[in-house]
Amino acid sequence: MRRSSTFARQVLLVRVGRRDGAAVTGTDLVTPDHRWSDRQRLRYGRYDAAVEAVMPVSPALGPAAPVDESPAMSIPLLPGERTAARRAKFALVNACTLSSLMLGMLAIFLAMQSEVRVAALCLIACVAFDGLDGALARKLNVASPFGAQMDSLADMCSFGLAAPVVVYASLAGSVPPAAAAVACALVAACAAIRLARFNVSPKDGRFFCGVPTTMAAAVLALTVAIGLPVSGLVMVAGVALLAFAMVSSFPYAKLARLVKLPPWLWLAPVVGALVDIRLTFALVVVGYLVSGPVLWLHQRRTA
């Protein structure tokens, strides 16, 4: 067999059958017969490498990863003391969040049945419940990361999806469907970007970075509810502008700062609303949108 076998077969010959059960090592390999060295050089060219050990390797099996057998730790939804009273408060806050979500779904269903103004009123109620859950969470001291993430998901459903659906239904017949679809899709996409950026960005107590989704949805809902007398193309342009304002880097004042303005500044919108609510609403919205770039330019000059 040795004379007829190749050099590779001679290398792979391993002595087996030890009685003591010792492991097979590299010394158990049969050293090739030197008589066949010249023949192998002539047959395969030259062979200078020395084979030290042969280990069978299966290509189908990867390296075994360490198994983490540590017990899974559940993160509590409500941090801190978990008393019955705090759980009831926590449930109340999340009920407000779910109410905002359900009202957003109801607005979509009403818009599909051409009840556009009623759907817009549901969106306004969504805005009210969205502000209520945050205020209650801070007041009752039950704020939690779970509540923040749930609020963000509810905002995406109510303000990122329901609001553009209501606007699309209100634009039916006045503008080409493709133009209305593109403008409303921009609102949904920019709302998702705005909410995701808000979750990972450091918070500023004075200004928003871009128009918040809640305020954008409130503007769209009020526009539909009061029936702003503008053409369809102007409405589409305004919706697209509002979508881009959500993802802009312009600073917009928070409501807490607006409330602290001098009372005489609030007198003009109140009187204007009594005279012509539609015109006053349009002027207030345009003024708020313009305030972002103005504040941005002011900060750059003073920096």
C-alpha atoms as a PDB file:
ATOM      1  CA  MET A   1       0.000   0.000   0.000  1.00  0.00           C
ATOM      2  CA  ARG A   2       2.861   2.390   0.783  1.00  0.00           C
ATOM      3  CA  ARG A   3       4.377   1.974  -2.651  1.00  0.00           C
ATOM      4  CA  SER A   4       1.106   2.634  -4.414  1.00  0.00           C
ATOM      5  CA  SER A   5      -0.122   5.437  -2.145  1.00  0.00           C
ATOM      6  CA  THR A   6       0.635   9.102  -2.571  1.00  0.00           C
ATOM      7  CA  PHE A   7       2.569  11.302  -0.234  1.00  0.00           C
ATOM      8  CA  ALA A   8      -0.667  12.843   1.096  1.00  0.00           C
ATOM      9  CA  ARG A   9      -2.012   9.471   2.160  1.00  0.00           C
ATOM     10  CA  GLN A  10       1.218   8.672   3.951  1.00  0.00           C
ATOM     11  CA  VAL A  11       1.009  11.935   5.903  1.00  0.00           C
ATOM     12  CA  LEU A  12      -2.595  11.281   6.978  1.00  0.00           C
ATOM     13  CA  LEU A  13      -1.903   7.796   8.342  1.00  0.00           C
ATOM     14  CA  VAL A  14      -2.616   7.888  12.073  1.00  0.00           C
ATOM     15  CA  ARG A  15      -2.043   5.134  14.498  1.00  0.00           C
ATOM     16  CA  VAL A  16      -5.269   4.204  16.278  1.00  0.00           C
ATOM     17  CA  GLY A  17      -6.374   1.693  18.801  1.00  0.00           C
ATOM     18  CA  ARG A  18      -4.329   2.674  21.841  1.00  0.00           C
ATOM     19  CA  ARG A  19      -5.383   0.736  24.833  1.00  0.00           C
ATOM     20  CA  ASP A  20      -4.746   3.531  27.307  1.00  0.00           C
ATOM     21  CA  GLY A  21      -7.232   5.874  25.540  1.00  0.00           C
ATOM     22  CA  ALA A  22      -4.677   8.731  25.134  1.00  0.00           C
ATOM     23  CA  ALA A  23      -5.531  11.583  22.809  1.00  0.00           C
ATOM     24  CA  VAL A  24      -4.063  11.570  19.351  1.00  0.00           C
ATOM     25  CA  THR A  25      -1.230  14.063  19.001  1.00  0.00           C
ATOM     26  CA  GLY A  26       0.974  15.315  16.275  1.00  0.00           C
ATOM     27  CA  THR A  27       3.606  12.650  17.094  1.00  0.00           C
ATOM     28  CA  ASP A  28       1.206   9.925  15.991  1.00  0.00           C
ATOM     29  CA  LEU A  29       1.568  10.979  12.382  1.00  0.00           C
ATOM     30  CA  VAL A  30       3.574   8.720  10.163  1.00  0.00           C
ATOM     31  CA  THR A  31       6.656  10.399   8.812  1.00  0.00           C
ATOM     32  CA  PRO A  32       6.964  10.041   5.044  1.00  0.00           C
ATOM     33  CA  ASP A  33       9.550   7.625   3.772  1.00  0.00           C
ATOM     34  CA  HIS A  34      12.625   9.457   2.500  1.00  0.00           C
ATOM     35  CA  ARG A  35      12.915   7.021  -0.370  1.00  0.00           C
ATOM     36  CA  TRP A  36       9.958   8.636  -2.016  1.00  0.00           C
ATOM     37  CA  SER A  37      11.133  12.251  -1.536  1.00  0.00           C
ATOM     38  CA  ASP A  38      12.905  12.437  -4.882  1.00  0.00           C
ATOM     39  CA  ARG A  39       9.918  10.894  -6.610  1.00  0.00           C
ATOM     40  CA  GLN A  40       7.590  13.451  -5.038  1.00  0.00           C
ATOM     41  CA  ARG A  41       9.849  16.340  -6.091  1.00  0.00           C
ATOM     42  CA  LEU A  42       9.830  15.064  -9.636  1.00  0.00           C
ATOM     43  CA  ARG A  43       6.086  14.522  -9.609  1.00  0.00           C
ATOM     44  CA  TYR A  44       4.905  17.685  -7.836  1.00  0.00           C
ATOM     45  CA  GLY A  45       7.803  20.060  -8.395  1.00  0.00           C
ATOM     46  CA  ARG A  46       9.283  20.718  -4.960  1.00  0.00           C
ATOM     47  CA  TYR A  47       7.965  20.177  -1.443  1.00  0.00           C
ATOM     48  CA  ASP A  48       9.824  21.875   1.387  1.00  0.00           C
ATOM     49  CA  ALA A  49       7.068  22.413   3.994  1.00  0.00           C
ATOM     50  CA  ALA A  50       6.997  20.139   6.984  1.00  0.00           C
ATOM     51  CA  VAL A  51       3.604  18.963   8.183  1.00  0.00           C
ATOM     52  CA  GLU A  52       3.401  19.134  11.950  1.00  0.00           C
ATOM     53  CA  ALA A  53      -0.212  18.255  12.722  1.00  0.00           C
ATOM     54  CA  VAL A  54      -3.481  17.526  11.019  1.00  0.00           C
ATOM     55  CA  MET A  55      -6.728  18.728  12.590  1.00  0.00           C
ATOM     56  CA  PRO A  56     -10.109  17.953  11.043  1.00  0.00           C
ATOM     57  CA  VAL A  57     -12.122  21.169  10.549  1.00  0.00           C
ATOM     58  CA  SER A  58     -15.789  21.209   9.610  1.00  0.00           C
ATOM     59  CA  PRO A  59     -16.724  24.244   7.479  1.00  0.00           C
ATOM     60  CA  ALA A  60     -20.351  23.891   8.522  1.00  0.00           C
ATOM     61  CA  LEU A  61     -19.656  24.560  12.179  1.00  0.00           C
ATOM     62  CA  GLY A  62     -18.682  28.068  13.269  1.00  0.00           C
ATOM     63  CA  PRO A  63     -16.972  28.987  16.473  1.00  0.00           C
ATOM     64  CA  ALA A  64     -19.214  28.391  19.437  1.00  0.00           C
ATOM     65  CA  ALA A  65     -20.343  31.659  21.019  1.00  0.00           C
ATOM     66  CA  PRO A  66     -20.502  31.857  24.784  1.00  0.00           C
ATOM     67  CA  VAL A  67     -24.025  31.424  26.048  1.00  0.00           C
ATOM     68  CA  ASP A  68     -25.222  34.075  28.449  1.00  0.00           C
ATOM     69  CA  GLU A  69     -27.065  32.121  31.110  1.00  0.00           C
ATOM     70  CA  SER A  70     -27.673  35.108  33.368  1.00  0.00           C
ATOM     71  CA  PRO A  71     -31.360  35.570  34.234  1.00  0.00           C
ATOM     72  CA  ALA A  72     -33.250  38.191  32.206  1.00  0.00           C
ATOM     73  CA  MET A  73     -33.959  41.378  34.133  1.00  0.00           C
ATOM     74  CA  SER A  74     -37.335  43.052  33.636  1.00  0.00           C
ATOM     75  CA  ILE A  75     -37.302  46.843  33.637  1.00  0.00           C
ATOM     76  CA  PRO A  76     -40.217  48.327  35.609  1.00  0.00           C
ATOM     77  CA  LEU A  77     -42.506  50.589  33.608  1.00  0.00           C
ATOM     78  CA  LEU A  78     -42.910  52.907  36.597  1.00  0.00           C
ATOM     79  CA  PRO A  79     -39.634  53.748  38.353  1.00  0.00           C
ATOM     80  CA  GLY A  80     -39.600  54.424  42.060  1.00  0.00           C
ATOM     81  CA  GLU A  81     -42.045  53.310  44.723  1.00  0.00           C
ATOM     82  CA  ARG A  82     -44.766  51.129  43.248  1.00  0.00           C
ATOM     83  CA  THR A  83     -47.716  51.785  45.500  1.00  0.00           C
ATOM     84  CA  ALA A  84     -51.360  51.442  44.520  1.00  0.00           C
ATOM     85  CA  ALA A  85     -51.796  55.219  44.457  1.00  0.00           C
ATOM     86  CA  ARG A  86     -48.824  55.767  42.123  1.00  0.00           C
ATOM     87  CA  ARG A  87     -49.995  52.968  39.845  1.00  0.00           C
ATOM     88  CA  ALA A  88     -53.427  54.592  39.593  1.00  0.00           C
ATOM     89  CA  LYS A  89     -51.831  57.923  38.707  1.00  0.00           C
ATOM     90  CA  PHE A  90     -49.603  56.199  36.155  1.00  0.00           C
ATOM     91  CA  ALA A  91     -52.636  54.516  34.601  1.00  0.00           C
ATOM     92  CA  LEU A  92     -54.464  57.852  34.422  1.00  0.00           C
ATOM     93  CA  VAL A  93     -51.606  59.510  32.568  1.00  0.00           C
ATOM     94  CA  ASN A  94     -51.332  56.659  30.066  1.00  0.00           C
ATOM     95  CA  ALA A  95     -55.104  56.686  29.621  1.00  0.00           C
ATOM     96  CA  CYS A  96     -54.776  60.270  28.374  1.00  0.00           C
ATOM     97  CA  THR A  97     -52.099  59.154  25.923  1.00  0.00           C
ATOM     98  CA  LEU A  98     -54.278  56.306  24.667  1.00  0.00           C
ATOM     99  CA  SER A  99     -57.229  58.689  24.374  1.00  0.00           C
ATOM    100  CA  SER A 100     -55.156  60.870  22.055  1.00  0.00           C
ATOM    101  CA  LEU A 101     -54.295  57.786  20.001  1.00  0.00           C
ATOM    102  CA  MET A 102     -57.924  56.630  19.790  1.00  0.00           C
ATOM    103  CA  LEU A 103     -59.116  60.095  18.785  1.00  0.00           C
ATOM    104  CA  GLY A 104     -56.518  60.103  16.012  1.00  0.00           C
ATOM    105  CA  MET A 105     -57.870  56.790  14.736  1.00  0.00           C
ATOM    106  CA  LEU A 106     -61.409  58.187  14.909  1.00  0.00           C
ATOM    107  CA  ALA A 107     -60.296  61.209  12.873  1.00  0.00           C
ATOM    108  CA  ILE A 108     -58.995  58.872  10.152  1.00  0.00           C
ATOM    109  CA  PHE A 109     -62.277  56.954  10.043  1.00  0.00           C
ATOM    110  CA  LEU A 110     -64.309  60.176   9.870  1.00  0.00           C
ATOM    111  CA  ALA A 111     -62.085  61.554   7.095  1.00  0.00           C
ATOM    112  CA  MET A 112     -62.664  58.370   5.090  1.00  0.00           C
ATOM    113  CA  GLN A 113     -66.416  59.060   5.362  1.00  0.00           C
ATOM    114  CA  SER A 114     -65.956  62.688   4.216  1.00  0.00           C
ATOM    115  CA  GLU A 115     -66.719  64.073   7.694  1.00  0.00           C
ATOM    116  CA  VAL A 116     -63.723  66.353   7.411  1.00  0.00           C
ATOM    117  CA  ARG A 117     -64.620  69.064   9.918  1.00  0.00           C
ATOM    118  CA  VAL A 118     -65.635  66.596  12.610  1.00  0.00           C
ATOM    119  CA  ALA A 119     -62.345  64.783  11.998  1.00  0.00           C
ATOM    120  CA  ALA A 120     -60.500  68.084  12.416  1.00  0.00           C
ATOM    121  CA  LEU A 121     -62.242  68.612  15.758  1.00  0.00           C
ATOM    122  CA  CYS A 122     -61.043  65.154  16.832  1.00  0.00           C
ATOM    123  CA  LEU A 123     -57.498  66.228  15.999  1.00  0.00           C
ATOM    124  CA  ILE A 124     -57.904  69.320  18.173  1.00  0.00           C
ATOM    125  CA  ALA A 125     -59.026  67.025  20.997  1.00  0.00           C
ATOM    126  CA  CYS A 126     -55.884  64.938  20.339  1.00  0.00           C
ATOM    127  CA  VAL A 127     -53.768  68.034  20.884  1.00  0.00           C
ATOM    128  CA  ALA A 128     -55.580  68.717  24.173  1.00  0.00           C
ATOM    129  CA  PHE A 129     -55.045  65.175  25.496  1.00  0.00           C
ATOM    130  CA  ASP A 130     -51.415  65.225  24.346  1.00  0.00           C
ATOM    131  CA  GLY A 131     -50.741  68.317  26.419  1.00  0.00           C
ATOM    132  CA  LEU A 132     -52.731  66.917  29.323  1.00  0.00           C
ATOM    133  CA  ASP A 133     -50.779  63.678  29.724  1.00  0.00           C
ATOM    134  CA  GLY A 134     -47.446  65.452  29.995  1.00  0.00           C
ATOM    135  CA  ALA A 135     -48.770  67.985  32.482  1.00  0.00           C
ATOM    136  CA  LEU A 136     -50.328  65.244  34.607  1.00  0.00           C
ATOM    137  CA  ALA A 137     -47.171  63.139  34.541  1.00  0.00           C
ATOM    138  CA  ARG A 138     -45.138  66.045  35.913  1.00  0.00           C
ATOM    139  CA  LYS A 139     -47.813  67.094  38.383  1.00  0.00           C
ATOM    140  CA  LEU A 140     -48.368  63.595  39.771  1.00  0.00           C
ATOM    141  CA  ASN A 141     -44.649  62.714  39.665  1.00  0.00           C
ATOM    142  CA  VAL A 142     -45.123  59.600  37.541  1.00  0.00           C
ATOM    143  CA  ALA A 143     -43.002  60.565  34.539  1.00  0.00           C
ATOM    144  CA  SER A 144     -41.142  57.567  33.105  1.00  0.00           C
ATOM    145  CA  PRO A 145     -39.203  56.540  29.979  1.00  0.00           C
ATOM    146  CA  PHE A 146     -42.072  54.221  29.084  1.00  0.00           C
ATOM    147  CA  GLY A 147     -44.516  57.106  29.121  1.00  0.00           C
ATOM    148  CA  ALA A 148     -42.208  59.219  26.971  1.00  0.00           C
ATOM    149  CA  GLN A 149     -41.877  56.504  24.322  1.00  0.00           C
ATOM    150  CA  MET A 150     -45.610  55.781  24.387  1.00  0.00           C
ATOM    151  CA  ASP A 151     -46.366  59.472  23.964  1.00  0.00           C
ATOM    152  CA  SER A 152     -44.027  59.627  20.971  1.00  0.00           C
ATOM    153  CA  LEU A 153     -45.726  56.650  19.299  1.00  0.00           C
ATOM    154  CA  ALA A 154     -49.173  58.123  19.947  1.00  0.00           C
ATOM    155  CA  ASP A 155     -48.028  61.456  18.482  1.00  0.00           C
ATOM    156  CA  MET A 156     -46.854  59.698  15.330  1.00  0.00           C
ATOM    157  CA  CYS A 157     -50.242  58.018  14.900  1.00  0.00           C
ATOM    158  CA  SER A 158     -52.351  61.080  15.732  1.00  0.00           C
ATOM    159  CA  PHE A 159     -50.257  63.921  14.321  1.00  0.00           C
ATOM    160  CA  GLY A 160     -48.000  62.154  11.826  1.00  0.00           C
ATOM    161  CA  LEU A 161     -50.701  60.026  10.180  1.00  0.00           C
ATOM    162  CA  ALA A 162     -54.191  61.208  11.142  1.00  0.00           C
ATOM    163  CA  ALA A 163     -53.484  64.890  10.470  1.00  0.00           C
ATOM    164  CA  PRO A 164     -52.243  64.404   6.868  1.00  0.00           C
ATOM    165  CA  VAL A 165     -55.138  62.013   6.159  1.00  0.00           C
ATOM    166  CA  VAL A 166     -57.648  64.666   7.281  1.00  0.00           C
ATOM    167  CA  VAL A 167     -55.885  67.302   5.194  1.00  0.00           C
ATOM    168  CA  TYR A 168     -55.858  65.007   2.162  1.00  0.00           C
ATOM    169  CA  ALA A 169     -59.595  64.425   2.542  1.00  0.00           C
ATOM    170  CA  SER A 170     -60.187  68.173   2.797  1.00  0.00           C
ATOM    171  CA  LEU A 171     -58.253  68.796  -0.423  1.00  0.00           C
ATOM    172  CA  ALA A 172     -60.208  66.230  -2.431  1.00  0.00           C
ATOM    173  CA  GLY A 173     -61.583  67.803  -5.592  1.00  0.00           C
ATOM    174  CA  SER A 174     -59.763  71.130  -5.242  1.00  0.00           C
ATOM    175  CA  VAL A 175     -56.240  70.072  -6.238  1.00  0.00           C
ATOM    176  CA  PRO A 176     -54.762  67.179  -8.229  1.00  0.00           C
ATOM    177  CA  PRO A 177     -54.659  64.037  -6.063  1.00  0.00           C
ATOM    178  CA  ALA A 178     -50.926  63.577  -6.722  1.00  0.00           C
ATOM    179  CA  ALA A 179     -50.084  67.048  -5.383  1.00  0.00           C
ATOM    180  CA  ALA A 180     -52.184  66.523  -2.266  1.00  0.00           C
ATOM    181  CA  ALA A 181     -50.634  63.080  -1.714  1.00  0.00           C
ATOM    182  CA  VAL A 182     -47.087  64.410  -1.966  1.00  0.00           C
ATOM    183  CA  ALA A 183     -47.745  67.276   0.454  1.00  0.00           C
ATOM    184  CA  CYS A 184     -49.438  64.996   3.004  1.00  0.00           C
ATOM    185  CA  ALA A 185     -46.713  62.359   2.662  1.00  0.00           C
ATOM    186  CA  LEU A 186     -44.164  65.076   3.459  1.00  0.00           C
ATOM    187  CA  VAL A 187     -46.049  65.825   6.674  1.00  0.00           C
ATOM    188  CA  ALA A 188     -45.916  62.150   7.714  1.00  0.00           C
ATOM    189  CA  ALA A 189     -42.221  61.762   6.870  1.00  0.00           C
ATOM    190  CA  CYS A 190     -41.162  65.003   8.529  1.00  0.00           C
ATOM    191  CA  ALA A 191     -43.237  64.188  11.625  1.00  0.00           C
ATOM    192  CA  ALA A 192     -41.407  60.861  11.988  1.00  0.00           C
ATOM    193  CA  ILE A 193     -38.031  62.581  11.623  1.00  0.00           C
ATOM    194  CA  ARG A 194     -39.031  65.320  14.054  1.00  0.00           C
ATOM    195  CA  LEU A 195     -40.202  62.876  16.741  1.00  0.00           C
ATOM    196  CA  ALA A 196     -37.139  60.651  16.399  1.00  0.00           C
ATOM    197  CA  ARG A 197     -34.815  63.652  16.598  1.00  0.00           C
ATOM    198  CA  PHE A 198     -36.663  64.968  19.644  1.00  0.00           C
ATOM    199  CA  ASN A 199     -36.198  61.648  21.470  1.00  0.00           C
ATOM    200  CA  VAL A 200     -32.405  61.639  21.059  1.00  0.00           C
ATOM    201  CA  SER A 201     -31.628  65.368  21.216  1.00  0.00           C
ATOM    202  CA  PRO A 202     -30.802  67.356  24.364  1.00  0.00           C
ATOM    203  CA  LYS A 203     -33.778  69.307  25.619  1.00  0.00           C
ATOM    204  CA  ASP A 204     -33.874  73.118  25.632  1.00  0.00           C
ATOM    205  CA  GLY A 205     -36.234  74.697  28.096  1.00  0.00           C
ATOM    206  CA  ARG A 206     -36.675  77.859  26.021  1.00  0.00           C
ATOM    207  CA  PHE A 207     -37.004  76.892  22.356  1.00  0.00           C
ATOM    208  CA  PHE A 208     -38.033  74.025  20.117  1.00  0.00           C
ATOM    209  CA  CYS A 209     -35.693  72.935  17.342  1.00  0.00           C
ATOM    210  CA  GLY A 210     -38.182  73.168  14.515  1.00  0.00           C
ATOM    211  CA  VAL A 211     -41.948  73.368  14.770  1.00  0.00           C
ATOM    212  CA  PRO A 212     -43.226  70.598  17.084  1.00  0.00           C
ATOM    213  CA  THR A 213     -45.548  67.996  15.586  1.00  0.00           C
ATOM    214  CA  THR A 214     -48.298  68.875  18.059  1.00  0.00           C
ATOM    215  CA  MET A 215     -48.363  72.501  16.950  1.00  0.00           C
ATOM    216  CA  ALA A 216     -48.178  71.554  13.273  1.00  0.00           C
ATOM    217  CA  ALA A 217     -51.149  69.213  13.674  1.00  0.00           C
ATOM    218  CA  ALA A 218     -53.064  71.906  15.564  1.00  0.00           C
ATOM    219  CA  VAL A 219     -52.468  74.370  12.730  1.00  0.00           C
ATOM    220  CA  LEU A 220     -53.645  71.850  10.121  1.00  0.00           C
ATOM    221  CA  ALA A 221     -56.698  70.882  12.160  1.00  0.00           C
ATOM    222  CA  LEU A 222     -57.747  74.488  12.774  1.00  0.00           C
ATOM    223  CA  THR A 223     -57.218  75.317   9.115  1.00  0.00           C
ATOM    224  CA  VAL A 224     -59.630  72.576   8.112  1.00  0.00           C
ATOM    225  CA  ALA A 225     -62.083  73.255  10.955  1.00  0.00           C
ATOM    226  CA  ILE A 226     -62.532  76.969  10.274  1.00  0.00           C
ATOM    227  CA  GLY A 227     -62.403  76.527   6.498  1.00  0.00           C
ATOM    228  CA  LEU A 228     -59.598  78.946   5.686  1.00  0.00           C
ATOM    229  CA  PRO A 229     -60.572  80.691   2.425  1.00  0.00           C
ATOM    230  CA  VAL A 230     -57.488  79.934   0.348  1.00  0.00           C
ATOM    231  CA  SER A 231     -57.085  78.149  -2.958  1.00  0.00           C
ATOM    232  CA  GLY A 232     -56.126  74.502  -3.097  1.00  0.00           C
ATOM    233  CA  LEU A 233     -52.636  75.154  -4.472  1.00  0.00           C
ATOM    234  CA  VAL A 234     -51.920  77.681  -1.716  1.00  0.00           C
ATOM    235  CA  MET A 235     -53.095  75.124   0.808  1.00  0.00           C
ATOM    236  CA  VAL A 236     -50.778  72.467  -0.644  1.00  0.00           C
ATOM    237  CA  ALA A 237     -47.853  74.887  -0.552  1.00  0.00           C
ATOM    238  CA  GLY A 238     -48.641  75.795   3.056  1.00  0.00           C
ATOM    239  CA  VAL A 239     -48.818  72.126   4.082  1.00  0.00           C
ATOM    240  CA  ALA A 240     -45.444  71.417   2.480  1.00  0.00           C
ATOM    241  CA  LEU A 241     -43.919  74.514   4.117  1.00  0.00           C
ATOM    242  CA  LEU A 242     -45.211  73.400   7.506  1.00  0.00           C
ATOM    243  CA  ALA A 243     -43.729  69.943   6.969  1.00  0.00           C
ATOM    244  CA  PHE A 244     -40.271  71.348   6.231  1.00  0.00           C
ATOM    245  CA  ALA A 245     -40.565  73.690   9.224  1.00  0.00           C
ATOM    246  CA  MET A 246     -40.858  70.622  11.491  1.00  0.00           C
ATOM    247  CA  VAL A 247     -37.450  69.292  10.462  1.00  0.00           C
ATOM    248  CA  SER A 248     -35.725  72.677  10.281  1.00  0.00           C
ATOM    249  CA  SER A 249     -33.114  73.861  12.778  1.00  0.00           C
ATOM    250  CA  PHE A 250     -34.826  77.190  13.432  1.00  0.00           C
ATOM    251  CA  PRO A 251     -35.597  77.920  17.097  1.00  0.00           C
ATOM    252  CA  TYR A 252     -39.282  78.335  17.900  1.00  0.00           C
ATOM    253  CA  ALA A 253     -40.459  79.632  21.261  1.00  0.00           C
ATOM    254  CA  LYS A 254     -42.274  77.243  23.549  1.00  0.00           C
ATOM    255  CA  LEU A 255     -45.769  77.942  24.794  1.00  0.00           C
ATOM    256  CA  ALA A 256     -44.482  78.720  28.286  1.00  0.00           C
ATOM    257  CA  ARG A 257     -42.434  81.612  26.881  1.00  0.00           C
ATOM    258  CA  LEU A 258     -45.342  82.842  24.764  1.00  0.00           C
ATOM    259  CA  VAL A 259     -47.606  82.968  27.803  1.00  0.00           C
ATOM    260  CA  LYS A 260     -45.112  85.251  29.560  1.00  0.00           C
ATOM    261  CA  LEU A 261     -45.355  87.873  26.825  1.00  0.00           C
ATOM    262  CA  PRO A 262     -46.809  91.272  27.829  1.00  0.00           C
ATOM    263  CA  PRO A 263     -50.615  91.242  27.994  1.00  0.00           C
ATOM    264  CA  TRP A 264     -50.935  94.003  25.402  1.00  0.00           C
ATOM    265  CA  LEU A 265     -49.384  91.698  22.808  1.00  0.00           C
ATOM    266  CA  TRP A 266     -52.224  89.251  23.343  1.00  0.00           C
ATOM    267  CA  LEU A 267     -54.820  91.970  22.957  1.00  0.00           C
ATOM    268  CA  ALA A 268     -54.347  92.305  19.205  1.00  0.00           C
ATOM    269  CA  PRO A 269     -55.043  88.608  18.362  1.00  0.00           C
ATOM    270  CA  VAL A 270     -58.063  88.552  20.662  1.00  0.00           C
ATOM    271  CA  VAL A 271     -59.588  91.652  19.053  1.00  0.00           C
ATOM    272  CA  GLY A 272     -58.702  90.354  15.595  1.00  0.00           C
ATOM    273  CA  ALA A 273     -60.404  87.022  16.326  1.00  0.00           C
ATOM    274  CA  LEU A 274     -63.600  88.885  17.197  1.00  0.00           C
ATOM    275  CA  VAL A 275     -63.451  90.788  13.904  1.00  0.00           C
ATOM    276  CA  ASP A 276     -62.252  88.063  11.486  1.00  0.00           C
ATOM    277  CA  ILE A 277     -61.077  84.813  13.036  1.00  0.00           C
ATOM    278  CA  ARG A 278     -59.820  83.352   9.767  1.00  0.00           C
ATOM    279  CA  LEU A 279     -57.588  86.279   8.881  1.00  0.00           C
ATOM    280  CA  THR A 280     -56.313  86.550  12.447  1.00  0.00           C
ATOM    281  CA  PHE A 281     -55.491  82.842  12.551  1.00  0.00           C
ATOM    282  CA  ALA A 282     -53.586  83.064   9.257  1.00  0.00           C
ATOM    283  CA  LEU A 283     -51.571  86.061  10.468  1.00  0.00           C
ATOM    284  CA  VAL A 284     -50.706  84.358  13.773  1.00  0.00           C
ATOM    285  CA  VAL A 285     -49.528  81.190  11.988  1.00  0.00           C
ATOM    286  CA  VAL A 286     -47.421  83.132   9.489  1.00  0.00           C
ATOM    287  CA  GLY A 287     -45.942  85.227  12.302  1.00  0.00           C
ATOM    288  CA  TYR A 288     -44.972  82.135  14.285  1.00  0.00           C
ATOM    289  CA  LEU A 289     -43.367  80.471  11.259  1.00  0.00           C
ATOM    290  CA  VAL A 290     -41.386  83.620  10.469  1.00  0.00           C
ATOM    291  CA  SER A 291     -40.235  83.942  14.090  1.00  0.00           C
ATOM    292  CA  GLY A 292     -37.965  80.907  13.717  1.00  0.00           C
ATOM    293  CA  PRO A 293     -35.691  82.306  10.999  1.00  0.00           C
ATOM    294  CA  VAL A 294     -35.710  85.723  12.716  1.00  0.00           C
ATOM    295  CA  LEU A 295     -34.542  84.227  16.025  1.00  0.00           C
ATOM    296  CA  TRP A 296     -31.943  82.159  14.178  1.00  0.00           C
ATOM    297  CA  LEU A 297     -30.478  85.230  12.491  1.00  0.00           C
ATOM    298  CA  HIS A 298     -30.494  87.098  15.795  1.00  0.00           C
ATOM    299  CA  GLN A 299     -28.601  84.291  17.540  1.00  0.00           C
ATOM    300  CA  ARG A 300     -25.996  84.165  14.780  1.00  0.00           C
ATOM    301  CA  ARG A 301     -25.378  87.902  14.986  1.00  0.00           C
ATOM    302  CA  THR A 302     -25.053  87.922  18.761  1.00  0.00           C
ATOM    303  CA  ALA A 303     -22.888  84.791  18.903  1.00  0.00           C
END
